Amino acid sequence: LAYQHTQKLPSRTRPEPNVIVRLSTIGADFSAPLAARAFKESAAFADDLAAWAAARAAQPAERRFRLLVWDYGVNFGHWLAPWPNWSSMAPNLRLYADAGVDGVFIEGNYRAKGGELAPLKSYLYAQLLWKPHADAAALTREFVGGFYGAAAAPHVLRYIAVTTAGAARAHAALGINVDVHHPALDAPTVLAALEAMGAAVAAASDAGDAAVAARVREAALAPLYVALLRWDELRAHCAATAARWPLEGERAAALARFEAAYREADMHRAWPPEAAEPDAKVDAGLSEGGHGLRW
C-alpha cells in the first residue's frame, strides 16, 4: 500500500516484479480532477502517481512491478449525504489509464446499502473502468433517464448540477470524511438540492410507475438527510433571505417521510448480515445501518 506516509516513491528501492503497489488517493480532493491540482493534496498525489508510473516504465518489461490505484467513491463521514465528486470521477480514471496503471479498486459504502445516488455512481464507475475515455455526461443522462424515469430525469440532473456548482463555488477540499456542514453544502446549495429532488419525487409519482417512483424517493434521501441535521439553520437562512422553504410540514413530518423511504429502500440493515446487530437495535436508529442519523 502506497498509502499516506508510503505514498511517495522510495528514493532507491524498487519493488520486485511479483509485487503489486496500490497507490491510494485517501488524502486527495474529490471535488475537482486530480490533474487540475486545485489543492496541494491533489497536486502531491498527481506528482506521486507520475513518479511511480515513470519508475515502473523505466524497468525492463520482465522486471516491472504492477501498479494499481485504491480510489474512493463515497464520503465515509456521512454515507448518505450529498458528496459532489461528479467532476472528478471520469477525469481521474482517465489520468490513471493514461499513466499506465494496471487496475483500479474503488471503495464505497461497505457498512450498509446505498449512499448518494449510489446506483448511478456504480454504473458510471463500471462503465468508465472499462472505457475511461467514454463520455461521462452522456452515460449519466442515459442512466438517469432509464433508471429514474423520463419525468424525474431533468430534476435529478439539476440536482447533480447544483451540488457540483456548490462544490466549485466553495473551493474547499472535498475529502472522504467530511461533515454535513462542509462549504460545498452551503444553505443555497442544500435548498436548491432539496427543491430539485422534491420535484423529481413529484414527477415520478405522477408518472405512475411504482418501481421508478421508489427509486426516486431513495435518491431524494441525500439532501433531506442534510436538511434534517441542519433544520433550524436552514429555516433561519430562509427567513433571513426570503428564500423559499422547499419542504412541507415540520421536522417531525419530514423525518417520518425520510424514515418511510429509508426503510422502503431497505437501507437500514447493516451489511454484511452476519455483522448486523439484533433487529431491535438496528431498528432503534439509522446509525446501526451506517448512516448516523438517530430518531
C-alpha atoms as a PDB file:
ATOM      1  CA  LEU A   1       0.000   0.000   0.000  1.00  0.00           C
ATOM      2  CA  ALA A   2       1.454   3.312  -1.155  1.00  0.00           C
ATOM      3  CA  TYR A   3      -0.724   4.970   1.426  1.00  0.00           C
ATOM      4  CA  GLN A   4      -0.238   8.237   3.319  1.00  0.00           C
ATOM      5  CA  HIS A   5       3.338   8.063   4.636  1.00  0.00           C
ATOM      6  CA  THR A   6       4.281   5.465   1.985  1.00  0.00           C
ATOM      7  CA  GLN A   7       2.660   7.339  -0.918  1.00  0.00           C
ATOM      8  CA  LYS A   8       5.863   8.792  -2.326  1.00  0.00           C
ATOM      9  CA  LEU A   9       8.140   6.692  -4.493  1.00  0.00           C
ATOM     10  CA  PRO A  10      11.147   5.498  -2.445  1.00  0.00           C
ATOM     11  CA  SER A  11      14.375   7.219  -3.412  1.00  0.00           C
ATOM     12  CA  ARG A  12      16.252   3.966  -4.072  1.00  0.00           C
ATOM     13  CA  THR A  13      14.121   0.872  -3.501  1.00  0.00           C
ATOM     14  CA  ARG A  14      12.216  -0.594  -6.436  1.00  0.00           C
ATOM     15  CA  PRO A  15       9.616  -3.344  -5.988  1.00  0.00           C
ATOM     16  CA  GLU A  16      10.248  -6.806  -7.364  1.00  0.00           C
ATOM     17  CA  PRO A  17       8.090  -7.896 -10.332  1.00  0.00           C
ATOM     18  CA  ASN A  18       5.937 -10.103  -8.077  1.00  0.00           C
ATOM     19  CA  VAL A  19       4.843  -7.048  -6.048  1.00  0.00           C
ATOM     20  CA  ILE A  20       1.635  -5.084  -6.552  1.00  0.00           C
ATOM     21  CA  VAL A  21       1.846  -1.445  -5.454  1.00  0.00           C
ATOM     22  CA  ARG A  22      -1.525   0.070  -4.526  1.00  0.00           C
ATOM     23  CA  LEU A  23      -1.324   3.844  -4.638  1.00  0.00           C
ATOM     24  CA  SER A  24      -4.110   5.372  -2.540  1.00  0.00           C
ATOM     25  CA  THR A  25      -5.983   8.656  -3.048  1.00  0.00           C
ATOM     26  CA  ILE A  26      -7.007   8.776   0.624  1.00  0.00           C
ATOM     27  CA  GLY A  27      -5.704  12.311   1.180  1.00  0.00           C
ATOM     28  CA  ALA A  28      -6.833  13.850  -2.105  1.00  0.00           C
ATOM     29  CA  ASP A  29      -9.643  16.244  -3.000  1.00  0.00           C
ATOM     30  CA  PHE A  30     -12.589  14.797  -4.921  1.00  0.00           C
ATOM     31  CA  SER A  31     -14.387  17.993  -5.913  1.00  0.00           C
ATOM     32  CA  ALA A  32     -12.084  18.555  -8.908  1.00  0.00           C
ATOM     33  CA  PRO A  33      -9.894  16.375 -11.128  1.00  0.00           C
ATOM     34  CA  LEU A  34      -6.538  15.457  -9.633  1.00  0.00           C
ATOM     35  CA  ALA A  35      -4.861  16.772 -12.763  1.00  0.00           C
ATOM     36  CA  ALA A  36      -6.301  20.228 -12.097  1.00  0.00           C
ATOM     37  CA  ARG A  37      -4.075  20.376  -8.991  1.00  0.00           C
ATOM     38  CA  ALA A  38      -6.669  22.550  -7.263  1.00  0.00           C
ATOM     39  CA  PHE A  39      -5.345  21.649  -3.817  1.00  0.00           C
ATOM     40  CA  LYS A  40      -1.907  20.719  -2.541  1.00  0.00           C
ATOM     41  CA  GLU A  41      -3.098  17.219  -1.629  1.00  0.00           C
ATOM     42  CA  SER A  42      -4.238  16.570  -5.189  1.00  0.00           C
ATOM     43  CA  ALA A  43      -1.054  18.003  -6.641  1.00  0.00           C
ATOM     44  CA  ALA A  44       1.010  15.752  -4.375  1.00  0.00           C
ATOM     45  CA  PHE A  45      -0.913  12.669  -5.452  1.00  0.00           C
ATOM     46  CA  ALA A  46      -0.616  13.569  -9.161  1.00  0.00           C
ATOM     47  CA  ASP A  47       3.141  14.008  -8.736  1.00  0.00           C
ATOM     48  CA  ASP A  48       3.493  10.727  -6.869  1.00  0.00           C
ATOM     49  CA  LEU A  49       1.416   8.850  -9.448  1.00  0.00           C
ATOM     50  CA  ALA A  50       3.666  10.181 -12.209  1.00  0.00           C
ATOM     51  CA  ALA A  51       6.785   9.177 -10.267  1.00  0.00           C
ATOM     52  CA  TRP A  52       5.566   5.617  -9.628  1.00  0.00           C
ATOM     53  CA  ALA A  53       4.478   5.258 -13.263  1.00  0.00           C
ATOM     54  CA  ALA A  54       7.828   6.525 -14.543  1.00  0.00           C
ATOM     55  CA  ALA A  55       9.754   4.184 -12.231  1.00  0.00           C
ATOM     56  CA  ARG A  56       7.688   1.270 -13.460  1.00  0.00           C
ATOM     57  CA  ALA A  57       8.140   2.204 -17.122  1.00  0.00           C
ATOM     58  CA  ALA A  58      11.908   2.597 -16.666  1.00  0.00           C
ATOM     59  CA  GLN A  59      12.334  -1.027 -15.708  1.00  0.00           C
ATOM     60  CA  PRO A  60      12.713  -3.811 -18.268  1.00  0.00           C
ATOM     61  CA  ALA A  61       9.377  -5.388 -19.082  1.00  0.00           C
ATOM     62  CA  GLU A  62      10.242  -8.581 -17.220  1.00  0.00           C
ATOM     63  CA  ARG A  63      11.225  -6.609 -14.105  1.00  0.00           C
ATOM     64  CA  ARG A  64       8.204  -4.310 -13.834  1.00  0.00           C
ATOM     65  CA  PHE A  65       6.085  -4.329 -10.705  1.00  0.00           C
ATOM     66  CA  ARG A  66       2.334  -3.941 -11.018  1.00  0.00           C
ATOM     67  CA  LEU A  67       0.812  -0.550 -10.212  1.00  0.00           C
ATOM     68  CA  LEU A  68      -2.785  -0.235  -9.049  1.00  0.00           C
ATOM     69  CA  VAL A  69      -4.807   2.642  -7.593  1.00  0.00           C
ATOM     70  CA  TRP A  70      -7.008   2.375  -4.488  1.00  0.00           C
ATOM     71  CA  ASP A  71      -9.643   5.048  -5.060  1.00  0.00           C
ATOM     72  CA  TYR A  72     -12.747   6.208  -3.178  1.00  0.00           C
ATOM     73  CA  GLY A  73     -16.339   6.794  -4.262  1.00  0.00           C
ATOM     74  CA  VAL A  74     -18.122   7.816  -1.077  1.00  0.00           C
ATOM     75  CA  ASN A  75     -17.976  10.101   1.954  1.00  0.00           C
ATOM     76  CA  PHE A  76     -17.178   7.870   4.930  1.00  0.00           C
ATOM     77  CA  GLY A  77     -18.209  10.618   7.344  1.00  0.00           C
ATOM     78  CA  HIS A  78     -21.820  10.593   6.127  1.00  0.00           C
ATOM     79  CA  TRP A  79     -22.548   7.829   3.626  1.00  0.00           C
ATOM     80  CA  LEU A  80     -25.876   9.258   2.560  1.00  0.00           C
ATOM     81  CA  ALA A  81     -25.144  12.998   2.360  1.00  0.00           C
ATOM     82  CA  PRO A  82     -24.516  14.731  -0.969  1.00  0.00           C
ATOM     83  CA  TRP A  83     -20.860  14.260  -1.902  1.00  0.00           C
ATOM     84  CA  PRO A  84     -20.361  16.026  -5.246  1.00  0.00           C
ATOM     85  CA  ASN A  85     -17.454  14.162  -6.785  1.00  0.00           C
ATOM     86  CA  TRP A  86     -19.097  14.236 -10.220  1.00  0.00           C
ATOM     87  CA  SER A  87     -16.399  16.467 -11.717  1.00  0.00           C
ATOM     88  CA  SER A  88     -13.560  14.165 -10.710  1.00  0.00           C
ATOM     89  CA  MET A  89     -14.854  10.672 -11.474  1.00  0.00           C
ATOM     90  CA  ALA A  90     -14.107  10.389 -15.181  1.00  0.00           C
ATOM     91  CA  PRO A  91     -11.019  12.654 -15.333  1.00  0.00           C
ATOM     92  CA  ASN A  92      -9.320  10.742 -12.531  1.00  0.00           C
ATOM     93  CA  LEU A  93      -9.913   7.374 -14.191  1.00  0.00           C
ATOM     94  CA  ARG A  94      -8.510   8.811 -17.412  1.00  0.00           C
ATOM     95  CA  LEU A  95      -5.475  10.032 -15.510  1.00  0.00           C
ATOM     96  CA  TYR A  96      -4.859   6.549 -14.132  1.00  0.00           C
ATOM     97  CA  ALA A  97      -5.320   4.930 -17.527  1.00  0.00           C
ATOM     98  CA  ASP A  98      -3.015   7.399 -19.236  1.00  0.00           C
ATOM     99  CA  ALA A  99      -0.391   6.758 -16.538  1.00  0.00           C
ATOM    100  CA  GLY A 100      -0.495   3.064 -17.431  1.00  0.00           C
ATOM    101  CA  VAL A 101      -1.777   1.684 -14.125  1.00  0.00           C
ATOM    102  CA  ASP A 102      -2.791  -1.966 -14.221  1.00  0.00           C
ATOM    103  CA  GLY A 103      -6.085  -1.577 -12.403  1.00  0.00           C
ATOM    104  CA  VAL A 104      -8.267   0.482 -10.074  1.00  0.00           C
ATOM    105  CA  PHE A 105     -10.191  -0.501  -6.961  1.00  0.00           C
ATOM    106  CA  ILE A 106     -12.911   1.949  -5.853  1.00  0.00           C
ATOM    107  CA  GLU A 107     -14.020   1.656  -2.242  1.00  0.00           C
ATOM    108  CA  GLY A 108     -17.627   2.507  -1.452  1.00  0.00           C
ATOM    109  CA  ASN A 109     -20.114   2.015   1.359  1.00  0.00           C
ATOM    110  CA  TYR A 110     -19.230  -1.314   2.948  1.00  0.00           C
ATOM    111  CA  ARG A 111     -21.496  -0.977   6.007  1.00  0.00           C
ATOM    112  CA  ALA A 112     -24.971  -0.606   4.550  1.00  0.00           C
ATOM    113  CA  LYS A 113     -26.870  -0.422   1.308  1.00  0.00           C
ATOM    114  CA  GLY A 114     -26.699   2.808  -0.555  1.00  0.00           C
ATOM    115  CA  GLY A 115     -25.375   6.309  -0.494  1.00  0.00           C
ATOM    116  CA  GLU A 116     -25.914   9.422  -2.559  1.00  0.00           C
ATOM    117  CA  LEU A 117     -27.196   8.282  -5.975  1.00  0.00           C
ATOM    118  CA  ALA A 118     -25.292   5.037  -5.420  1.00  0.00           C
ATOM    119  CA  PRO A 119     -26.840   3.203  -8.413  1.00  0.00           C
ATOM    120  CA  LEU A 120     -25.779   5.992 -10.765  1.00  0.00           C
ATOM    121  CA  LYS A 121     -22.279   6.237  -9.345  1.00  0.00           C
ATOM    122  CA  SER A 122     -21.877   2.448  -9.512  1.00  0.00           C
ATOM    123  CA  TYR A 123     -22.966   2.483 -13.152  1.00  0.00           C
ATOM    124  CA  LEU A 124     -20.612   5.325 -14.044  1.00  0.00           C
ATOM    125  CA  TYR A 125     -17.653   3.666 -12.355  1.00  0.00           C
ATOM    126  CA  ALA A 126     -18.423   0.327 -14.017  1.00  0.00           C
ATOM    127  CA  GLN A 127     -18.596   1.916 -17.463  1.00  0.00           C
ATOM    128  CA  LEU A 128     -15.580   4.190 -17.005  1.00  0.00           C
ATOM    129  CA  LEU A 129     -13.380   1.456 -15.590  1.00  0.00           C
ATOM    130  CA  TRP A 130     -13.863  -0.377 -18.872  1.00  0.00           C
ATOM    131  CA  LYS A 131     -13.734   2.734 -21.076  1.00  0.00           C
ATOM    132  CA  PRO A 132     -12.148   5.645 -19.174  1.00  0.00           C
ATOM    133  CA  HIS A 133     -12.368   7.976 -22.165  1.00  0.00           C
ATOM    134  CA  ALA A 134     -16.107   7.473 -22.637  1.00  0.00           C
ATOM    135  CA  ASP A 135     -18.470  10.461 -22.436  1.00  0.00           C
ATOM    136  CA  ALA A 136     -19.384  10.582 -18.743  1.00  0.00           C
ATOM    137  CA  ALA A 137     -22.112  13.183 -19.280  1.00  0.00           C
ATOM    138  CA  ALA A 138     -23.801  11.015 -21.905  1.00  0.00           C
ATOM    139  CA  LEU A 139     -23.559   7.964 -19.634  1.00  0.00           C
ATOM    140  CA  THR A 140     -25.107   9.970 -16.823  1.00  0.00           C
ATOM    141  CA  ARG A 141     -28.040  11.114 -18.967  1.00  0.00           C
ATOM    142  CA  GLU A 142     -28.544   7.576 -20.252  1.00  0.00           C
ATOM    143  CA  PHE A 143     -28.696   6.053 -16.791  1.00  0.00           C
ATOM    144  CA  VAL A 144     -30.744   8.793 -15.138  1.00  0.00           C
ATOM    145  CA  GLY A 145     -33.357   8.669 -17.900  1.00  0.00           C
ATOM    146  CA  GLY A 146     -33.617   4.906 -17.774  1.00  0.00           C
ATOM    147  CA  PHE A 147     -33.376   4.281 -14.038  1.00  0.00           C
ATOM    148  CA  TYR A 148     -35.168   7.317 -12.588  1.00  0.00           C
ATOM    149  CA  GLY A 149     -37.566   7.773 -15.487  1.00  0.00           C
ATOM    150  CA  ALA A 150     -38.062  10.437 -18.124  1.00  0.00           C
ATOM    151  CA  ALA A 151     -40.314  12.536 -15.894  1.00  0.00           C
ATOM    152  CA  ALA A 152     -37.862  12.786 -12.992  1.00  0.00           C
ATOM    153  CA  ALA A 153     -34.647  12.811 -15.039  1.00  0.00           C
ATOM    154  CA  PRO A 154     -34.393  16.599 -15.628  1.00  0.00           C
ATOM    155  CA  HIS A 155     -34.749  17.235 -11.915  1.00  0.00           C
ATOM    156  CA  VAL A 156     -32.191  14.588 -10.931  1.00  0.00           C
ATOM    157  CA  LEU A 157     -29.747  16.073 -13.437  1.00  0.00           C
ATOM    158  CA  ARG A 158     -30.447  19.514 -11.969  1.00  0.00           C
ATOM    159  CA  TYR A 159     -29.639  18.143  -8.512  1.00  0.00           C
ATOM    160  CA  ILE A 160     -26.270  16.931  -9.815  1.00  0.00           C
ATOM    161  CA  ALA A 161     -25.635  20.320 -11.424  1.00  0.00           C
ATOM    162  CA  VAL A 162     -26.458  22.396  -8.338  1.00  0.00           C
ATOM    163  CA  THR A 163     -24.354  20.260  -5.979  1.00  0.00           C
ATOM    164  CA  THR A 164     -21.461  20.281  -8.446  1.00  0.00           C
ATOM    165  CA  ALA A 165     -21.728  24.064  -8.696  1.00  0.00           C
ATOM    166  CA  GLY A 166     -21.818  24.320  -4.907  1.00  0.00           C
ATOM    167  CA  ALA A 167     -18.563  22.397  -4.638  1.00  0.00           C
ATOM    168  CA  ALA A 168     -16.893  24.551  -7.292  1.00  0.00           C
ATOM    169  CA  ARG A 169     -18.098  27.747  -5.641  1.00  0.00           C
ATOM    170  CA  ALA A 170     -16.865  26.655  -2.206  1.00  0.00           C
ATOM    171  CA  HIS A 171     -13.354  25.830  -3.436  1.00  0.00           C
ATOM    172  CA  ALA A 172     -12.745  23.732  -0.340  1.00  0.00           C
ATOM    173  CA  ALA A 173     -11.102  20.329  -0.465  1.00  0.00           C
ATOM    174  CA  LEU A 174     -13.704  17.552  -0.514  1.00  0.00           C
ATOM    175  CA  GLY A 175     -12.128  14.639   1.301  1.00  0.00           C
ATOM    176  CA  ILE A 176     -13.519  11.204   2.070  1.00  0.00           C
ATOM    177  CA  ASN A 177     -14.571  12.043   5.620  1.00  0.00           C
ATOM    178  CA  VAL A 178     -16.383  15.391   5.566  1.00  0.00           C
ATOM    179  CA  ASP A 179     -19.224  16.750   7.656  1.00  0.00           C
ATOM    180  CA  VAL A 180     -22.681  17.853   6.522  1.00  0.00           C
ATOM    181  CA  HIS A 181     -21.548  21.438   7.209  1.00  0.00           C
ATOM    182  CA  HIS A 182     -18.873  21.280   4.510  1.00  0.00           C
ATOM    183  CA  PRO A 183     -18.653  24.545   2.491  1.00  0.00           C
ATOM    184  CA  ALA A 184     -19.806  22.671  -0.622  1.00  0.00           C
ATOM    185  CA  LEU A 185     -23.141  22.205   1.158  1.00  0.00           C
ATOM    186  CA  ASP A 186     -23.895  25.833   1.909  1.00  0.00           C
ATOM    187  CA  ALA A 187     -27.512  26.770   2.566  1.00  0.00           C
ATOM    188  CA  PRO A 188     -28.368  27.878  -1.018  1.00  0.00           C
ATOM    189  CA  THR A 189     -26.940  24.628  -2.405  1.00  0.00           C
ATOM    190  CA  VAL A 190     -28.837  22.423   0.052  1.00  0.00           C
ATOM    191  CA  LEU A 191     -32.087  24.289  -0.550  1.00  0.00           C
ATOM    192  CA  ALA A 192     -31.683  24.044  -4.336  1.00  0.00           C
ATOM    193  CA  ALA A 193     -30.883  20.342  -3.996  1.00  0.00           C
ATOM    194  CA  LEU A 194     -33.996  19.803  -1.878  1.00  0.00           C
ATOM    195  CA  GLU A 195     -36.136  21.636  -4.414  1.00  0.00           C
ATOM    196  CA  ALA A 196     -34.732  19.632  -7.337  1.00  0.00           C
ATOM    197  CA  MET A 197     -35.231  16.258  -5.687  1.00  0.00           C
ATOM    198  CA  GLY A 198     -38.650  17.228  -4.366  1.00  0.00           C
ATOM    199  CA  ALA A 199     -39.662  17.993  -7.941  1.00  0.00           C
ATOM    200  CA  ALA A 200     -38.164  14.673  -9.047  1.00  0.00           C
ATOM    201  CA  VAL A 201     -40.250  12.770  -6.473  1.00  0.00           C
ATOM    202  CA  ALA A 202     -43.427  14.560  -7.529  1.00  0.00           C
ATOM    203  CA  ALA A 203     -42.768  13.978 -11.230  1.00  0.00           C
ATOM    204  CA  ALA A 204     -42.020  10.282 -10.720  1.00  0.00           C
ATOM    205  CA  SER A 205     -45.142   9.850  -8.615  1.00  0.00           C
ATOM    206  CA  ASP A 206     -47.293  11.488 -11.279  1.00  0.00           C
ATOM    207  CA  ALA A 207     -45.753   9.266 -13.971  1.00  0.00           C
ATOM    208  CA  GLY A 208     -47.344   6.249 -12.315  1.00  0.00           C
ATOM    209  CA  ASP A 209     -44.510   3.681 -12.326  1.00  0.00           C
ATOM    210  CA  ALA A 210     -44.297   2.487  -8.715  1.00  0.00           C
ATOM    211  CA  ALA A 211     -40.848   0.900  -9.033  1.00  0.00           C
ATOM    212  CA  VAL A 212     -39.328   4.010 -10.609  1.00  0.00           C
ATOM    213  CA  ALA A 213     -41.014   6.282  -8.067  1.00  0.00           C
ATOM    214  CA  ALA A 214     -39.462   4.238  -5.234  1.00  0.00           C
ATOM    215  CA  ARG A 215     -36.006   4.671  -6.771  1.00  0.00           C
ATOM    216  CA  VAL A 216     -36.510   8.422  -6.935  1.00  0.00           C
ATOM    217  CA  ARG A 217     -37.671   8.552  -3.318  1.00  0.00           C
ATOM    218  CA  GLU A 218     -34.470   6.762  -2.349  1.00  0.00           C
ATOM    219  CA  ALA A 219     -32.378   9.226  -4.364  1.00  0.00           C
ATOM    220  CA  ALA A 220     -34.122  12.153  -2.670  1.00  0.00           C
ATOM    221  CA  LEU A 221     -32.932  10.993   0.747  1.00  0.00           C
ATOM    222  CA  ALA A 222     -29.494  12.602   0.295  1.00  0.00           C
ATOM    223  CA  PRO A 223     -30.438  16.302   0.571  1.00  0.00           C
ATOM    224  CA  LEU A 224     -33.235  15.509   3.025  1.00  0.00           C
ATOM    225  CA  TYR A 225     -30.671  13.868   5.297  1.00  0.00           C
ATOM    226  CA  VAL A 226     -28.708  17.138   5.441  1.00  0.00           C
ATOM    227  CA  ALA A 227     -31.864  19.176   5.971  1.00  0.00           C
ATOM    228  CA  LEU A 228     -32.885  17.052   8.954  1.00  0.00           C
ATOM    229  CA  LEU A 229     -29.487  17.528  10.568  1.00  0.00           C
ATOM    230  CA  ARG A 230     -29.394  21.286   9.863  1.00  0.00           C
ATOM    231  CA  TRP A 231     -33.096  22.081  10.070  1.00  0.00           C
ATOM    232  CA  ASP A 232     -33.008  25.167  12.297  1.00  0.00           C
ATOM    233  CA  GLU A 233     -30.075  26.704  10.440  1.00  0.00           C
ATOM    234  CA  LEU A 234     -31.686  26.245   7.030  1.00  0.00           C
ATOM    235  CA  ARG A 235     -35.032  27.599   8.238  1.00  0.00           C
ATOM    236  CA  ALA A 236     -33.239  30.640   9.657  1.00  0.00           C
ATOM    237  CA  HIS A 237     -31.483  31.194   6.334  1.00  0.00           C
ATOM    238  CA  CYS A 238     -34.812  31.188   4.501  1.00  0.00           C
ATOM    239  CA  ALA A 239     -36.299  33.630   7.000  1.00  0.00           C
ATOM    240  CA  ALA A 240     -33.308  35.977   6.678  1.00  0.00           C
ATOM    241  CA  THR A 241     -33.103  35.915   2.890  1.00  0.00           C
ATOM    242  CA  ALA A 242     -36.756  35.400   1.921  1.00  0.00           C
ATOM    243  CA  ALA A 243     -35.718  32.178   0.186  1.00  0.00           C
ATOM    244  CA  ARG A 244     -38.434  29.600  -0.397  1.00  0.00           C
ATOM    245  CA  TRP A 245     -38.535  26.714   2.088  1.00  0.00           C
ATOM    246  CA  PRO A 246     -38.873  23.608  -0.095  1.00  0.00           C
ATOM    247  CA  LEU A 247     -40.247  21.103   2.432  1.00  0.00           C
ATOM    248  CA  GLU A 248     -43.791  20.558   3.672  1.00  0.00           C
ATOM    249  CA  GLY A 249     -44.632  20.371   7.358  1.00  0.00           C
ATOM    250  CA  GLU A 250     -42.453  20.446  10.432  1.00  0.00           C
ATOM    251  CA  ARG A 251     -39.291  18.484  11.081  1.00  0.00           C
ATOM    252  CA  ALA A 252     -41.159  15.533  12.589  1.00  0.00           C
ATOM    253  CA  ALA A 253     -43.178  15.123   9.395  1.00  0.00           C
ATOM    254  CA  ALA A 254     -40.051  15.348   7.230  1.00  0.00           C
ATOM    255  CA  LEU A 255     -38.348  12.797   9.438  1.00  0.00           C
ATOM    256  CA  ALA A 256     -41.312  10.448   9.064  1.00  0.00           C
ATOM    257  CA  ARG A 257     -41.091  10.748   5.269  1.00  0.00           C
ATOM    258  CA  PHE A 258     -37.361  10.095   5.463  1.00  0.00           C
ATOM    259  CA  GLU A 259     -37.847   7.009   7.625  1.00  0.00           C
ATOM    260  CA  ALA A 260     -40.522   5.603   5.323  1.00  0.00           C
ATOM    261  CA  ALA A 261     -38.373   5.975   2.199  1.00  0.00           C
ATOM    262  CA  TYR A 262     -35.255   4.776   4.011  1.00  0.00           C
ATOM    263  CA  ARG A 263     -36.926   1.581   5.134  1.00  0.00           C
ATOM    264  CA  GLU A 264     -38.697   1.116   1.807  1.00  0.00           C
ATOM    265  CA  ALA A 265     -35.243   1.096   0.173  1.00  0.00           C
ATOM    266  CA  ASP A 266     -34.017  -1.409   2.811  1.00  0.00           C
ATOM    267  CA  MET A 267     -31.150   0.900   3.731  1.00  0.00           C
ATOM    268  CA  HIS A 268     -31.480   0.324   7.472  1.00  0.00           C
ATOM    269  CA  ARG A 269     -29.901  -3.115   7.561  1.00  0.00           C
ATOM    270  CA  ALA A 270     -26.225  -3.340   8.418  1.00  0.00           C
ATOM    271  CA  TRP A 271     -24.031  -5.228   5.980  1.00  0.00           C
ATOM    272  CA  PRO A 272     -22.773  -7.923   5.911  1.00  0.00           C
ATOM    273  CA  PRO A 273     -25.751  -9.693   7.555  1.00  0.00           C
ATOM    274  CA  GLU A 274     -23.561 -11.673   9.944  1.00  0.00           C
ATOM    275  CA  ALA A 275     -22.193  -8.387  11.310  1.00  0.00           C
ATOM    276  CA  ALA A 276     -25.631  -6.879  11.877  1.00  0.00           C
ATOM    277  CA  GLU A 277     -26.813  -6.116  15.348  1.00  0.00           C
ATOM    278  CA  PRO A 278     -30.115  -7.657  16.542  1.00  0.00           C
ATOM    279  CA  ASP A 279     -33.118  -6.243  14.730  1.00  0.00           C
ATOM    280  CA  ALA A 280     -34.414  -4.402  17.779  1.00  0.00           C
ATOM    281  CA  LYS A 281     -31.172  -2.447  17.985  1.00  0.00           C
ATOM    282  CA  VAL A 282     -30.947  -1.925  14.237  1.00  0.00           C
ATOM    283  CA  ASP A 283     -34.475  -0.557  14.179  1.00  0.00           C
ATOM    284  CA  ALA A 284     -33.688   1.819  17.041  1.00  0.00           C
ATOM    285  CA  GLY A 285     -31.807   4.210  14.774  1.00  0.00           C
ATOM    286  CA  LEU A 286     -30.184   4.763  11.432  1.00  0.00           C
ATOM    287  CA  SER A 287     -26.699   4.752  12.893  1.00  0.00           C
ATOM    288  CA  GLU A 288     -26.806   0.968  13.098  1.00  0.00           C
ATOM    289  CA  GLY A 289     -27.358   0.948   9.334  1.00  0.00           C
ATOM    290  CA  GLY A 290     -24.263   3.052   8.816  1.00  0.00           C
ATOM    291  CA  HIS A 291     -25.788   6.463   8.138  1.00  0.00           C
ATOM    292  CA  GLY A 292     -25.502   8.131  11.514  1.00  0.00           C
ATOM    293  CA  LEU A 293     -28.961   9.711  11.989  1.00  0.00           C
ATOM    294  CA  ARG A 294     -30.925   8.645  15.071  1.00  0.00           C
ATOM    295  CA  TRP A 295     -34.641   9.132  15.559  1.00  0.00           C
END
